[in-house]
Amino acid sequence: MLSNSTTMITRKQLFLTLGIGSGLFLALFATLVIHIALVTKNKTNDSRNRQLSRIDFVNDITPKDAAHIKQLVLSLPGVDGAFVNEQSNILVFSHHPNQQNANIITVALTKVTGLQAKRYTVNENDLKNGCPAGYEKSTISKLALAVAKKL
């Protein structure tokens, strides 16, 4: 049988261990809560309110034309970014659909630059297929597409 003093020391050690463990747990939990609060504070996710549009130019565009087109499009309110590919005569830009309309921008670019522009829209067949990654017919892409559809 254990003596009373030995039992007391064991109980003290047990309470001390539980106290330190609980304190450590609470400190880590509080750190996690504070971290989550700081990371997510005042973040607005407005990615749903963006649109990516493409305009194809019938005429060949020069580097000077490309710079002018990019400057014009970026000066419009609601346009976030623009990229002009001179080799393929394509303009791609992102914008807020509430503030800008790609069809209006296409008409305006034609008037201002004198270059014939046409807004690119996806044809009905491609629209039915969904993600372009599904066009690939390899086994890996089919497997990845099947897994993605289940998510």
N, C-alpha and C. Protein backbone atom coordinates (compact mmCIF):
# COMPACT_ATOMS: atom_id res chain seq x y z
N MET A 1 0.83 -1.16 0.00
CA MET A 1 0.00 0.00 0.00
C MET A 1 0.88 1.24 0.00
N LEU A 2 0.46 2.26 -0.78
CA LEU A 2 1.23 3.50 -0.89
C LEU A 2 0.98 4.37 0.33
N SER A 3 2.01 5.08 0.70
CA SER A 3 1.84 5.99 1.84
C SER A 3 1.07 7.23 1.37
N ASN A 4 0.53 7.96 2.29
CA ASN A 4 -0.28 9.13 2.02
C ASN A 4 0.55 10.23 1.35
N SER A 5 1.81 10.43 1.73
CA SER A 5 2.65 11.47 1.15
C SER A 5 2.99 11.16 -0.31
N THR A 6 3.17 9.88 -0.66
CA THR A 6 3.45 9.49 -2.04
C THR A 6 2.23 9.73 -2.90
N THR A 7 1.06 9.45 -2.40
CA THR A 7 -0.17 9.66 -3.14
C THR A 7 -0.39 11.15 -3.37
N MET A 8 -0.06 11.99 -2.39
CA MET A 8 -0.22 13.43 -2.52
C MET A 8 0.70 13.99 -3.61
N ILE A 9 1.92 13.53 -3.68
CA ILE A 9 2.85 14.00 -4.71
C ILE A 9 2.34 13.59 -6.09
N THR A 10 1.83 12.43 -6.23
CA THR A 10 1.30 11.96 -7.50
C THR A 10 0.10 12.79 -7.90
N ARG A 11 -0.75 13.12 -6.97
CA ARG A 11 -1.91 13.95 -7.29
C ARG A 11 -1.46 15.36 -7.68
N LYS A 12 -0.46 15.88 -6.98
CA LYS A 12 0.06 17.21 -7.32
C LYS A 12 0.64 17.20 -8.74
N GLN A 13 1.38 16.13 -9.04
CA GLN A 13 1.97 16.03 -10.39
C GLN A 13 0.87 15.91 -11.44
N LEU A 14 -0.17 15.15 -11.12
CA LEU A 14 -1.29 14.97 -12.05
C LEU A 14 -1.98 16.31 -12.30
N PHE A 15 -2.29 17.05 -11.25
CA PHE A 15 -2.95 18.33 -11.41
C PHE A 15 -2.05 19.34 -12.13
N LEU A 16 -0.77 19.30 -11.82
CA LEU A 16 0.17 20.19 -12.50
C LEU A 16 0.24 19.87 -13.98
N THR A 17 0.32 18.59 -14.32
CA THR A 17 0.37 18.16 -15.72
C THR A 17 -0.92 18.54 -16.45
N LEU A 18 -2.06 18.28 -15.81
CA LEU A 18 -3.34 18.64 -16.43
C LEU A 18 -3.46 20.15 -16.59
N GLY A 19 -3.01 20.90 -15.61
CA GLY A 19 -3.07 22.36 -15.69
C GLY A 19 -2.21 22.90 -16.81
N ILE A 20 -0.99 22.40 -16.92
CA ILE A 20 -0.10 22.85 -18.00
C ILE A 20 -0.65 22.44 -19.35
N GLY A 21 -1.14 21.21 -19.46
CA GLY A 21 -1.71 20.72 -20.72
C GLY A 21 -2.94 21.54 -21.13
N SER A 22 -3.82 21.82 -20.18
CA SER A 22 -5.02 22.61 -20.48
C SER A 22 -4.64 24.03 -20.87
N GLY A 23 -3.69 24.61 -20.17
CA GLY A 23 -3.24 25.96 -20.51
C GLY A 23 -2.63 26.03 -21.89
N LEU A 24 -1.82 25.04 -22.23
CA LEU A 24 -1.21 24.98 -23.56
C LEU A 24 -2.28 24.83 -24.63
N PHE A 25 -3.26 23.96 -24.38
CA PHE A 25 -4.34 23.76 -25.34
C PHE A 25 -5.12 25.06 -25.54
N LEU A 26 -5.47 25.74 -24.46
CA LEU A 26 -6.21 27.00 -24.56
C LEU A 26 -5.40 28.07 -25.28
N ALA A 27 -4.09 28.13 -25.02
CA ALA A 27 -3.24 29.10 -25.70
C ALA A 27 -3.19 28.83 -27.20
N LEU A 28 -3.03 27.57 -27.59
CA LEU A 28 -2.99 27.21 -29.01
C LEU A 28 -4.35 27.46 -29.67
N PHE A 29 -5.42 27.14 -28.97
CA PHE A 29 -6.76 27.36 -29.52
C PHE A 29 -7.02 28.86 -29.71
N ALA A 30 -6.63 29.66 -28.73
CA ALA A 30 -6.79 31.12 -28.84
C ALA A 30 -5.96 31.67 -30.00
N THR A 31 -4.76 31.14 -30.18
CA THR A 31 -3.92 31.56 -31.30
C THR A 31 -4.59 31.24 -32.63
N LEU A 32 -5.17 30.06 -32.73
CA LEU A 32 -5.87 29.66 -33.95
C LEU A 32 -7.05 30.58 -34.23
N VAL A 33 -7.85 30.86 -33.23
CA VAL A 33 -9.01 31.73 -33.40
C VAL A 33 -8.58 33.13 -33.83
N ILE A 34 -7.55 33.67 -33.21
CA ILE A 34 -7.05 35.00 -33.56
C ILE A 34 -6.51 35.00 -34.99
N HIS A 35 -5.78 33.95 -35.35
CA HIS A 35 -5.23 33.85 -36.71
C HIS A 35 -6.35 33.83 -37.74
N ILE A 36 -7.37 33.02 -37.53
CA ILE A 36 -8.49 32.94 -38.48
C ILE A 36 -9.19 34.29 -38.57
N ALA A 37 -9.39 34.95 -37.44
CA ALA A 37 -10.05 36.25 -37.44
C ALA A 37 -9.24 37.28 -38.23
N LEU A 38 -7.92 37.28 -38.06
CA LEU A 38 -7.08 38.25 -38.77
C LEU A 38 -7.00 37.97 -40.26
N VAL A 39 -6.96 36.70 -40.62
CA VAL A 39 -6.82 36.34 -42.03
C VAL A 39 -8.11 36.63 -42.80
N THR A 40 -9.24 36.41 -42.19
CA THR A 40 -10.51 36.58 -42.90
C THR A 40 -11.16 37.94 -42.68
N LYS A 41 -10.57 38.80 -41.88
CA LYS A 41 -11.16 40.10 -41.57
C LYS A 41 -11.18 41.01 -42.80
N ASN A 42 -12.33 41.59 -43.04
CA ASN A 42 -12.52 42.58 -44.11
C ASN A 42 -12.12 42.08 -45.49
N LYS A 43 -12.28 40.82 -45.73
CA LYS A 43 -12.00 40.28 -47.07
C LYS A 43 -13.33 40.18 -47.80
N THR A 44 -13.40 40.80 -48.95
CA THR A 44 -14.59 40.67 -49.77
C THR A 44 -14.21 39.86 -51.00
N ASN A 45 -14.91 38.81 -51.21
CA ASN A 45 -14.65 37.97 -52.37
C ASN A 45 -15.62 38.37 -53.47
N ASP A 46 -15.13 39.19 -54.38
CA ASP A 46 -15.99 39.63 -55.46
C ASP A 46 -15.59 38.98 -56.78
N SER A 47 -14.96 37.81 -56.70
CA SER A 47 -14.55 37.12 -57.93
C SER A 47 -15.75 36.71 -58.76
N ARG A 48 -16.91 36.57 -58.12
CA ARG A 48 -18.12 36.22 -58.88
C ARG A 48 -18.56 37.38 -59.75
N ASN A 49 -18.08 38.58 -59.44
CA ASN A 49 -18.52 39.77 -60.15
C ASN A 49 -17.53 40.22 -61.21
N ARG A 50 -16.76 39.31 -61.73
CA ARG A 50 -15.81 39.63 -62.79
C ARG A 50 -16.17 38.82 -64.03
N GLN A 51 -15.83 39.39 -65.16
CA GLN A 51 -16.05 38.68 -66.42
C GLN A 51 -14.79 38.80 -67.26
N LEU A 52 -14.45 37.74 -67.93
CA LEU A 52 -13.31 37.73 -68.84
C LEU A 52 -13.88 37.75 -70.25
N SER A 53 -13.47 38.72 -71.05
CA SER A 53 -13.99 38.85 -72.41
C SER A 53 -12.85 38.88 -73.41
N ARG A 54 -13.20 38.51 -74.63
CA ARG A 54 -12.20 38.47 -75.71
C ARG A 54 -12.74 39.19 -76.92
N ILE A 55 -11.89 40.00 -77.54
CA ILE A 55 -12.23 40.68 -78.78
C ILE A 55 -11.17 40.33 -79.81
N ASP A 56 -11.62 39.87 -80.97
CA ASP A 56 -10.72 39.53 -82.08
C ASP A 56 -10.73 40.68 -83.08
N PHE A 57 -9.54 41.04 -83.54
CA PHE A 57 -9.42 42.08 -84.56
C PHE A 57 -9.22 41.43 -85.91
N VAL A 58 -10.00 41.87 -86.90
CA VAL A 58 -9.91 41.31 -88.24
C VAL A 58 -8.61 41.76 -88.90
N ASN A 59 -8.26 43.02 -88.70
CA ASN A 59 -7.03 43.57 -89.27
C ASN A 59 -5.83 43.16 -88.43
N ASP A 60 -4.66 43.17 -89.05
CA ASP A 60 -3.42 42.97 -88.29
C ASP A 60 -3.18 44.22 -87.45
N ILE A 61 -2.73 44.01 -86.23
CA ILE A 61 -2.45 45.15 -85.36
C ILE A 61 -0.94 45.27 -85.14
N THR A 62 -0.49 46.49 -85.09
CA THR A 62 0.93 46.78 -84.87
C THR A 62 1.17 46.90 -83.36
N PRO A 63 2.43 46.88 -82.95
CA PRO A 63 2.71 47.11 -81.53
C PRO A 63 2.17 48.45 -81.04
N LYS A 64 2.19 49.46 -81.90
CA LYS A 64 1.64 50.77 -81.53
C LYS A 64 0.12 50.67 -81.33
N ASP A 65 -0.55 49.94 -82.24
CA ASP A 65 -2.00 49.72 -82.09
C ASP A 65 -2.29 48.97 -80.80
N ALA A 66 -1.48 47.95 -80.51
CA ALA A 66 -1.70 47.14 -79.31
C ALA A 66 -1.58 47.98 -78.05
N ALA A 67 -0.57 48.84 -77.99
CA ALA A 67 -0.39 49.70 -76.83
C ALA A 67 -1.56 50.67 -76.69
N HIS A 68 -2.01 51.22 -77.82
CA HIS A 68 -3.13 52.16 -77.80
C HIS A 68 -4.42 51.47 -77.35
N ILE A 69 -4.67 50.28 -77.87
CA ILE A 69 -5.88 49.51 -77.50
C ILE A 69 -5.86 49.19 -76.02
N LYS A 70 -4.72 48.71 -75.54
CA LYS A 70 -4.61 48.37 -74.11
C LYS A 70 -4.85 49.60 -73.24
N GLN A 71 -4.25 50.73 -73.61
CA GLN A 71 -4.42 51.96 -72.85
C GLN A 71 -5.88 52.40 -72.85
N LEU A 72 -6.55 52.29 -73.99
CA LEU A 72 -7.96 52.68 -74.08
C LEU A 72 -8.83 51.81 -73.18
N VAL A 73 -8.63 50.51 -73.25
CA VAL A 73 -9.47 49.59 -72.48
C VAL A 73 -9.21 49.74 -70.99
N LEU A 74 -7.95 49.88 -70.60
CA LEU A 74 -7.63 50.04 -69.17
C LEU A 74 -8.13 51.36 -68.60
N SER A 75 -8.35 52.35 -69.45
CA SER A 75 -8.85 53.64 -68.96
C SER A 75 -10.34 53.61 -68.65
N LEU A 76 -11.03 52.57 -69.08
CA LEU A 76 -12.47 52.47 -68.84
C LEU A 76 -12.75 52.07 -67.40
N PRO A 77 -13.75 52.68 -66.78
CA PRO A 77 -14.09 52.29 -65.41
C PRO A 77 -14.61 50.86 -65.37
N GLY A 78 -14.17 50.11 -64.37
CA GLY A 78 -14.63 48.73 -64.22
C GLY A 78 -13.75 47.70 -64.90
N VAL A 79 -12.77 48.14 -65.69
CA VAL A 79 -11.86 47.21 -66.36
C VAL A 79 -10.64 47.02 -65.46
N ASP A 80 -10.35 45.76 -65.12
CA ASP A 80 -9.25 45.44 -64.20
C ASP A 80 -7.92 45.23 -64.90
N GLY A 81 -7.97 44.56 -66.02
CA GLY A 81 -6.74 44.21 -66.71
C GLY A 81 -7.00 43.95 -68.18
N ALA A 82 -5.94 44.05 -68.98
CA ALA A 82 -6.09 43.81 -70.41
C ALA A 82 -4.78 43.26 -70.96
N PHE A 83 -4.91 42.39 -71.94
CA PHE A 83 -3.74 41.82 -72.62
C PHE A 83 -4.03 41.81 -74.11
N VAL A 84 -3.12 42.34 -74.89
CA VAL A 84 -3.27 42.35 -76.35
C VAL A 84 -2.20 41.46 -76.94
N ASN A 85 -2.62 40.46 -77.71
CA ASN A 85 -1.69 39.57 -78.41
C ASN A 85 -1.59 40.05 -79.85
N GLU A 86 -0.45 40.64 -80.18
CA GLU A 86 -0.27 41.21 -81.52
C GLU A 86 -0.21 40.13 -82.61
N GLN A 87 0.36 38.98 -82.28
CA GLN A 87 0.51 37.92 -83.28
C GLN A 87 -0.84 37.34 -83.71
N SER A 88 -1.76 37.22 -82.77
CA SER A 88 -3.06 36.62 -83.11
C SER A 88 -4.18 37.66 -83.18
N ASN A 89 -3.83 38.93 -82.98
CA ASN A 89 -4.81 40.02 -83.08
C ASN A 89 -5.98 39.86 -82.11
N ILE A 90 -5.65 39.55 -80.88
CA ILE A 90 -6.67 39.28 -79.87
C ILE A 90 -6.47 40.19 -78.66
N LEU A 91 -7.57 40.70 -78.13
CA LEU A 91 -7.59 41.44 -76.87
C LEU A 91 -8.38 40.62 -75.86
N VAL A 92 -7.80 40.41 -74.68
CA VAL A 92 -8.50 39.74 -73.59
C VAL A 92 -8.48 40.70 -72.41
N PHE A 93 -9.64 40.91 -71.80
CA PHE A 93 -9.70 41.84 -70.66
C PHE A 93 -10.71 41.34 -69.63
N SER A 94 -10.47 41.74 -68.39
CA SER A 94 -11.40 41.39 -67.31
C SER A 94 -12.09 42.67 -66.85
N HIS A 95 -13.36 42.52 -66.51
CA HIS A 95 -14.13 43.69 -66.13
C HIS A 95 -15.28 43.30 -65.21
N HIS A 96 -15.85 44.32 -64.57
CA HIS A 96 -17.06 44.14 -63.77
C HIS A 96 -18.25 44.22 -64.72
N PRO A 97 -19.06 43.16 -64.81
CA PRO A 97 -20.19 43.21 -65.73
C PRO A 97 -21.24 44.25 -65.35
N ASN A 98 -21.25 44.69 -64.10
CA ASN A 98 -22.20 45.73 -63.67
C ASN A 98 -21.80 47.09 -64.21
N GLN A 99 -20.49 47.26 -64.51
CA GLN A 99 -20.00 48.57 -64.93
C GLN A 99 -19.68 48.65 -66.42
N GLN A 100 -19.36 47.54 -67.04
CA GLN A 100 -18.98 47.55 -68.45
C GLN A 100 -19.69 46.43 -69.20
N ASN A 101 -19.79 46.63 -70.50
CA ASN A 101 -20.39 45.63 -71.38
C ASN A 101 -19.41 45.38 -72.51
N ALA A 102 -19.05 44.12 -72.71
CA ALA A 102 -18.05 43.79 -73.73
C ALA A 102 -18.50 44.16 -75.13
N ASN A 103 -19.79 44.08 -75.41
CA ASN A 103 -20.30 44.46 -76.74
C ASN A 103 -20.11 45.96 -76.99
N ILE A 104 -20.38 46.75 -75.97
CA ILE A 104 -20.21 48.21 -76.11
C ILE A 104 -18.74 48.56 -76.28
N ILE A 105 -17.87 47.87 -75.54
CA ILE A 105 -16.42 48.11 -75.68
C ILE A 105 -15.96 47.74 -77.09
N THR A 106 -16.49 46.67 -77.63
CA THR A 106 -16.12 46.25 -78.99
C THR A 106 -16.49 47.32 -80.01
N VAL A 107 -17.70 47.84 -79.92
CA VAL A 107 -18.15 48.90 -80.84
C VAL A 107 -17.30 50.16 -80.66
N ALA A 108 -17.03 50.50 -79.41
CA ALA A 108 -16.24 51.71 -79.14
C ALA A 108 -14.82 51.58 -79.70
N LEU A 109 -14.22 50.39 -79.53
CA LEU A 109 -12.86 50.19 -80.06
C LEU A 109 -12.83 50.30 -81.58
N THR A 110 -13.85 49.79 -82.23
CA THR A 110 -13.93 49.88 -83.69
C THR A 110 -14.00 51.35 -84.11
N LYS A 111 -14.82 52.13 -83.42
CA LYS A 111 -14.96 53.55 -83.77
C LYS A 111 -13.68 54.34 -83.50
N VAL A 112 -13.09 54.12 -82.34
CA VAL A 112 -11.93 54.92 -81.93
C VAL A 112 -10.67 54.56 -82.71
N THR A 113 -10.42 53.26 -82.90
CA THR A 113 -9.17 52.84 -83.53
C THR A 113 -9.27 52.71 -85.05
N GLY A 114 -10.48 52.55 -85.58
CA GLY A 114 -10.65 52.33 -87.01
C GLY A 114 -10.36 50.89 -87.41
N LEU A 115 -10.06 50.03 -86.44
CA LEU A 115 -9.81 48.62 -86.71
C LEU A 115 -11.10 47.83 -86.58
N GLN A 116 -11.32 46.90 -87.48
CA GLN A 116 -12.53 46.08 -87.41
C GLN A 116 -12.37 45.06 -86.27
N ALA A 117 -13.29 45.12 -85.31
CA ALA A 117 -13.21 44.24 -84.14
C ALA A 117 -14.50 43.42 -84.03
N LYS A 118 -14.35 42.21 -83.51
CA LYS A 118 -15.50 41.33 -83.34
C LYS A 118 -15.37 40.64 -81.98
N ARG A 119 -16.41 40.69 -81.20
CA ARG A 119 -16.38 40.03 -79.89
C ARG A 119 -16.43 38.52 -80.10
N TYR A 120 -15.54 37.83 -79.40
CA TYR A 120 -15.50 36.38 -79.47
C TYR A 120 -16.53 35.82 -78.50
N THR A 121 -17.38 34.96 -79.00
CA THR A 121 -18.33 34.25 -78.14
C THR A 121 -18.20 32.76 -78.42
N VAL A 122 -18.43 31.96 -77.42
CA VAL A 122 -18.31 30.51 -77.53
C VAL A 122 -19.50 29.99 -78.31
N ASN A 123 -19.22 29.05 -79.24
CA ASN A 123 -20.33 28.50 -80.01
C ASN A 123 -21.15 27.52 -79.15
N GLU A 124 -22.31 27.19 -79.63
CA GLU A 124 -23.26 26.37 -78.87
C GLU A 124 -22.71 24.99 -78.53
N ASN A 125 -21.97 24.37 -79.45
CA ASN A 125 -21.41 23.04 -79.21
C ASN A 125 -20.37 23.07 -78.09
N ASP A 126 -19.48 24.06 -78.10
CA ASP A 126 -18.48 24.19 -77.05
C ASP A 126 -19.12 24.51 -75.70
N LEU A 127 -20.20 25.26 -75.74
CA LEU A 127 -20.91 25.62 -74.52
C LEU A 127 -21.48 24.38 -73.84
N LYS A 128 -21.94 23.43 -74.62
CA LYS A 128 -22.49 22.18 -74.08
C LYS A 128 -21.41 21.32 -73.44
N ASN A 129 -20.19 21.38 -73.96
CA ASN A 129 -19.11 20.55 -73.45
C ASN A 129 -18.55 21.05 -72.13
N GLY A 130 -18.76 22.32 -71.82
CA GLY A 130 -18.28 22.85 -70.55
C GLY A 130 -16.81 23.16 -70.58
N CYS A 131 -16.10 22.69 -69.58
CA CYS A 131 -14.69 23.00 -69.40
C CYS A 131 -13.84 22.49 -70.56
N PRO A 132 -12.96 23.33 -71.11
CA PRO A 132 -12.10 22.89 -72.21
C PRO A 132 -11.19 21.73 -71.82
N ALA A 133 -10.94 21.53 -70.54
CA ALA A 133 -10.09 20.42 -70.12
C ALA A 133 -10.74 19.08 -70.48
N GLY A 134 -12.04 19.07 -70.66
CA GLY A 134 -12.75 17.84 -71.01
C GLY A 134 -12.56 17.44 -72.47
N TYR A 135 -12.00 18.34 -73.30
CA TYR A 135 -11.81 18.03 -74.71
C TYR A 135 -10.72 16.99 -74.92
N GLU A 136 -9.76 16.98 -74.02
CA GLU A 136 -8.64 16.04 -74.13
C GLU A 136 -9.18 14.62 -73.98
N LYS A 137 -8.73 13.72 -74.80
CA LYS A 137 -9.26 12.36 -74.79
C LYS A 137 -8.31 11.34 -74.16
N SER A 138 -7.30 11.80 -73.42
CA SER A 138 -6.38 10.86 -72.78
C SER A 138 -7.04 10.23 -71.56
N THR A 139 -6.52 9.11 -71.12
CA THR A 139 -7.07 8.40 -69.98
C THR A 139 -6.96 9.22 -68.71
N ILE A 140 -5.85 9.90 -68.52
CA ILE A 140 -5.66 10.70 -67.32
C ILE A 140 -6.66 11.83 -67.25
N SER A 141 -6.88 12.52 -68.38
CA SER A 141 -7.82 13.64 -68.35
C SER A 141 -9.25 13.14 -68.17
N LYS A 142 -9.58 11.98 -68.72
CA LYS A 142 -10.92 11.42 -68.51
C LYS A 142 -11.11 11.08 -67.04
N LEU A 143 -10.08 10.51 -66.42
CA LEU A 143 -10.15 10.16 -65.00
C LEU A 143 -10.28 11.42 -64.15
N ALA A 144 -9.49 12.45 -64.46
CA ALA A 144 -9.55 13.70 -63.71
C ALA A 144 -10.91 14.36 -63.87
N LEU A 145 -11.47 14.31 -65.08
CA LEU A 145 -12.78 14.89 -65.34
C LEU A 145 -13.87 14.13 -64.57
N ALA A 146 -13.76 12.81 -64.52
CA ALA A 146 -14.74 12.01 -63.79
C ALA A 146 -14.69 12.31 -62.29
N VAL A 147 -13.49 12.45 -61.75
CA VAL A 147 -13.33 12.78 -60.33
C VAL A 147 -13.88 14.18 -60.05
N ALA A 148 -13.59 15.13 -60.94
CA ALA A 148 -14.06 16.50 -60.76
C ALA A 148 -15.58 16.58 -60.81
N LYS A 149 -16.20 15.77 -61.65
CA LYS A 149 -17.67 15.78 -61.75
C LYS A 149 -18.32 15.26 -60.48
N LYS A 150 -17.64 14.34 -59.78
CA LYS A 150 -18.18 13.79 -58.54
C LYS A 150 -18.09 14.76 -57.40
N LEU A 151 -17.16 15.73 -57.49
CA LEU A 151 -17.00 16.73 -56.43
C LEU A 151 -18.13 17.67 -56.51
